Amino acid sequence: MARNQGGSDFLTGLFVGSLAGVVIGLLLAPQSGEQTRAQLVERGIELRDEFEKRAGDLQDRVPAMIDEQRDRVEEAIEKGKEAAAKKREEILAQIEAQKKAGTSQA
């Protein structure tokens, strides 16, 4: 399940990192306020577009990821059922062997 959340964690990190970069850039920028504001607007648009693109990509991949995980869970359940049935047969065979051993001694 943690793997499914990786996409949203990445997008959050991308956004926070970009925001931190913009703030640091503002503090260190050797240009006028008007130029800085224009750059901020441009960068904000770029970040929004990138965020929307990545969010769209993630939305496109999510159904396939869900199907893959569902298939893996169903496979694990089937293997568990098979293992339980095998173990049940082994236990029943041991019980039957013990019954035979007990009746032959009597």
C-alpha atoms as a PDB file:
ATOM      1  CA  MET A   1       0.000   0.000   0.000  1.00  0.00           C
ATOM      2  CA  ALA A   2       2.841   2.339   0.658  1.00  0.00           C
ATOM      3  CA  ARG A   3       3.865   1.905  -2.938  1.00  0.00           C
ATOM      4  CA  ASN A   4       0.559   3.333  -4.137  1.00  0.00           C
ATOM      5  CA  GLN A   5       1.056   6.446  -2.127  1.00  0.00           C
ATOM      6  CA  GLY A   6       4.491   7.016  -3.704  1.00  0.00           C
ATOM      7  CA  GLY A   7       3.019   9.002  -6.575  1.00  0.00           C
ATOM      8  CA  SER A   8       1.249  11.500  -4.333  1.00  0.00           C
ATOM      9  CA  ASP A   9       4.329  11.748  -2.103  1.00  0.00           C
ATOM     10  CA  PHE A  10       6.423  12.520  -5.177  1.00  0.00           C
ATOM     11  CA  LEU A  11       4.029  15.228  -6.346  1.00  0.00           C
ATOM     12  CA  THR A  12       3.932  16.774  -2.876  1.00  0.00           C
ATOM     13  CA  GLY A  13       7.721  16.739  -2.723  1.00  0.00           C
ATOM     14  CA  LEU A  14       7.928  18.255  -6.199  1.00  0.00           C
ATOM     15  CA  PHE A  15       5.592  21.068  -5.203  1.00  0.00           C
ATOM     16  CA  VAL A  16       7.268  21.805  -1.854  1.00  0.00           C
ATOM     17  CA  GLY A  17      10.751  21.656  -3.385  1.00  0.00           C
ATOM     18  CA  SER A  18       9.757  23.966  -6.196  1.00  0.00           C
ATOM     19  CA  LEU A  19       8.201  26.411  -3.761  1.00  0.00           C
ATOM     20  CA  ALA A  20      11.363  26.390  -1.632  1.00  0.00           C
ATOM     21  CA  GLY A  21      13.446  27.018  -4.757  1.00  0.00           C
ATOM     22  CA  VAL A  22      11.305  29.984  -5.703  1.00  0.00           C
ATOM     23  CA  VAL A  23      11.589  31.514  -2.226  1.00  0.00           C
ATOM     24  CA  ILE A  24      15.376  31.083  -2.185  1.00  0.00           C
ATOM     25  CA  GLY A  25      15.577  32.510  -5.695  1.00  0.00           C
ATOM     26  CA  LEU A  26      13.619  35.572  -4.570  1.00  0.00           C
ATOM     27  CA  LEU A  27      15.918  36.165  -1.654  1.00  0.00           C
ATOM     28  CA  LEU A  28      19.040  35.917  -3.789  1.00  0.00           C
ATOM     29  CA  ALA A  29      17.755  37.570  -6.992  1.00  0.00           C
ATOM     30  CA  PRO A  30      19.795  40.607  -8.154  1.00  0.00           C
ATOM     31  CA  GLN A  31      16.937  42.050 -10.228  1.00  0.00           C
ATOM     32  CA  SER A  32      14.018  44.435  -9.864  1.00  0.00           C
ATOM     33  CA  GLY A  33      10.782  43.492  -8.181  1.00  0.00           C
ATOM     34  CA  GLU A  34       8.896  43.731 -11.456  1.00  0.00           C
ATOM     35  CA  GLN A  35      11.245  41.265 -13.170  1.00  0.00           C
ATOM     36  CA  THR A  36      11.080  38.973 -10.162  1.00  0.00           C
ATOM     37  CA  ARG A  37       7.270  39.022 -10.171  1.00  0.00           C
ATOM     38  CA  ALA A  38       7.215  38.246 -13.887  1.00  0.00           C
ATOM     39  CA  GLN A  39       9.554  35.307 -13.325  1.00  0.00           C
ATOM     40  CA  LEU A  40       7.400  34.093 -10.438  1.00  0.00           C
ATOM     41  CA  VAL A  41       4.285  34.185 -12.585  1.00  0.00           C
ATOM     42  CA  GLU A  42       6.070  32.327 -15.394  1.00  0.00           C
ATOM     43  CA  ARG A  43       7.514  29.739 -13.044  1.00  0.00           C
ATOM     44  CA  GLY A  44       4.162  29.312 -11.320  1.00  0.00           C
ATOM     45  CA  ILE A  45       2.533  28.570 -14.657  1.00  0.00           C
ATOM     46  CA  GLU A  46       5.279  26.085 -15.518  1.00  0.00           C
ATOM     47  CA  LEU A  47       4.901  24.346 -12.158  1.00  0.00           C
ATOM     48  CA  ARG A  48       1.117  24.200 -12.487  1.00  0.00           C
ATOM     49  CA  ASP A  49       1.431  22.685 -15.962  1.00  0.00           C
ATOM     50  CA  GLU A  50       3.994  20.142 -14.764  1.00  0.00           C
ATOM     51  CA  PHE A  51       1.835  19.269 -11.760  1.00  0.00           C
ATOM     52  CA  GLU A  52      -1.246  18.804 -13.958  1.00  0.00           C
ATOM     53  CA  LYS A  53       0.741  16.645 -16.399  1.00  0.00           C
ATOM     54  CA  ARG A  54       2.094  14.408 -13.643  1.00  0.00           C
ATOM     55  CA  ALA A  55      -1.297  14.202 -11.933  1.00  0.00           C
ATOM     56  CA  GLY A  56      -2.840  13.180 -15.265  1.00  0.00           C
ATOM     57  CA  ASP A  57      -0.153  10.547 -15.805  1.00  0.00           C
ATOM     58  CA  LEU A  58      -0.780   9.201 -12.316  1.00  0.00           C
ATOM     59  CA  GLN A  59      -4.536   9.092 -12.895  1.00  0.00           C
ATOM     60  CA  ASP A  60      -3.931   7.137 -16.090  1.00  0.00           C
ATOM     61  CA  ARG A  61      -1.709   4.611 -14.290  1.00  0.00           C
ATOM     62  CA  VAL A  62      -3.840   4.113 -11.169  1.00  0.00           C
ATOM     63  CA  PRO A  63      -6.444   1.732 -12.690  1.00  0.00           C
ATOM     64  CA  ALA A  64      -3.699  -0.547 -14.009  1.00  0.00           C
ATOM     65  CA  MET A  65      -1.939  -0.456 -10.641  1.00  0.00           C
ATOM     66  CA  ILE A  66      -5.183  -1.373  -8.864  1.00  0.00           C
ATOM     67  CA  ASP A  67      -5.809  -4.266 -11.263  1.00  0.00           C
ATOM     68  CA  GLU A  68      -2.250  -5.513 -10.785  1.00  0.00           C
ATOM     69  CA  GLN A  69      -2.570  -5.438  -7.005  1.00  0.00           C
ATOM     70  CA  ARG A  70      -5.992  -7.116  -7.154  1.00  0.00           C
ATOM     71  CA  ASP A  71      -4.488  -9.899  -9.291  1.00  0.00           C
ATOM     72  CA  ARG A  72      -1.619 -10.324  -6.835  1.00  0.00           C
ATOM     73  CA  VAL A  73      -4.017 -10.526  -3.878  1.00  0.00           C
ATOM     74  CA  GLU A  74      -6.236 -13.063  -5.644  1.00  0.00           C
ATOM     75  CA  GLU A  75      -3.171 -15.148  -6.502  1.00  0.00           C
ATOM     76  CA  ALA A  76      -1.983 -15.025  -2.890  1.00  0.00           C
ATOM     77  CA  ILE A  77      -5.417 -16.088  -1.660  1.00  0.00           C
ATOM     78  CA  GLU A  78      -5.433 -19.053  -4.050  1.00  0.00           C
ATOM     79  CA  LYS A  79      -1.954 -20.105  -2.931  1.00  0.00           C
ATOM     80  CA  GLY A  80      -3.084 -19.820   0.685  1.00  0.00           C
ATOM     81  CA  LYS A  81      -6.122 -21.983   0.012  1.00  0.00           C
ATOM     82  CA  GLU A  82      -3.959 -24.582  -1.724  1.00  0.00           C
ATOM     83  CA  ALA A  83      -1.465 -24.616   1.131  1.00  0.00           C
ATOM     84  CA  ALA A  84      -4.271 -24.936   3.693  1.00  0.00           C
ATOM     85  CA  ALA A  85      -5.854 -27.838   1.787  1.00  0.00           C
ATOM     86  CA  LYS A  86      -2.492 -29.603   1.497  1.00  0.00           C
ATOM     87  CA  LYS A  87      -1.794 -29.150   5.193  1.00  0.00           C
ATOM     88  CA  ARG A  88      -5.295 -30.410   6.036  1.00  0.00           C
ATOM     89  CA  GLU A  89      -4.672 -33.570   4.010  1.00  0.00           C
ATOM     90  CA  GLU A  90      -1.316 -34.093   5.747  1.00  0.00           C
ATOM     91  CA  ILE A  91      -2.915 -33.719   9.183  1.00  0.00           C
ATOM     92  CA  LEU A  92      -5.766 -36.070   8.297  1.00  0.00           C
ATOM     93  CA  ALA A  93      -3.232 -38.628   7.022  1.00  0.00           C
ATOM     94  CA  GLN A  94      -1.264 -38.359  10.286  1.00  0.00           C
ATOM     95  CA  ILE A  95      -4.432 -38.808  12.329  1.00  0.00           C
ATOM     96  CA  GLU A  96      -5.416 -41.819  10.265  1.00  0.00           C
ATOM     97  CA  ALA A  97      -1.923 -43.309  10.665  1.00  0.00           C
ATOM     98  CA  GLN A  98      -2.088 -42.785  14.430  1.00  0.00           C
ATOM     99  CA  LYS A  99      -5.512 -44.447  14.583  1.00  0.00           C
ATOM    100  CA  LYS A 100      -4.197 -47.459  12.687  1.00  0.00           C
ATOM    101  CA  ALA A 101      -1.127 -47.635  14.899  1.00  0.00           C
ATOM    102  CA  GLY A 102      -3.301 -47.429  18.007  1.00  0.00           C
ATOM    103  CA  THR A 103      -5.722 -50.168  16.913  1.00  0.00           C
ATOM    104  CA  SER A 104      -2.915 -52.534  15.897  1.00  0.00           C
ATOM    105  CA  GLN A 105      -1.370 -52.298  19.368  1.00  0.00           C
ATOM    106  CA  ALA A 106      -4.601 -53.071  21.162  1.00  0.00           C
END
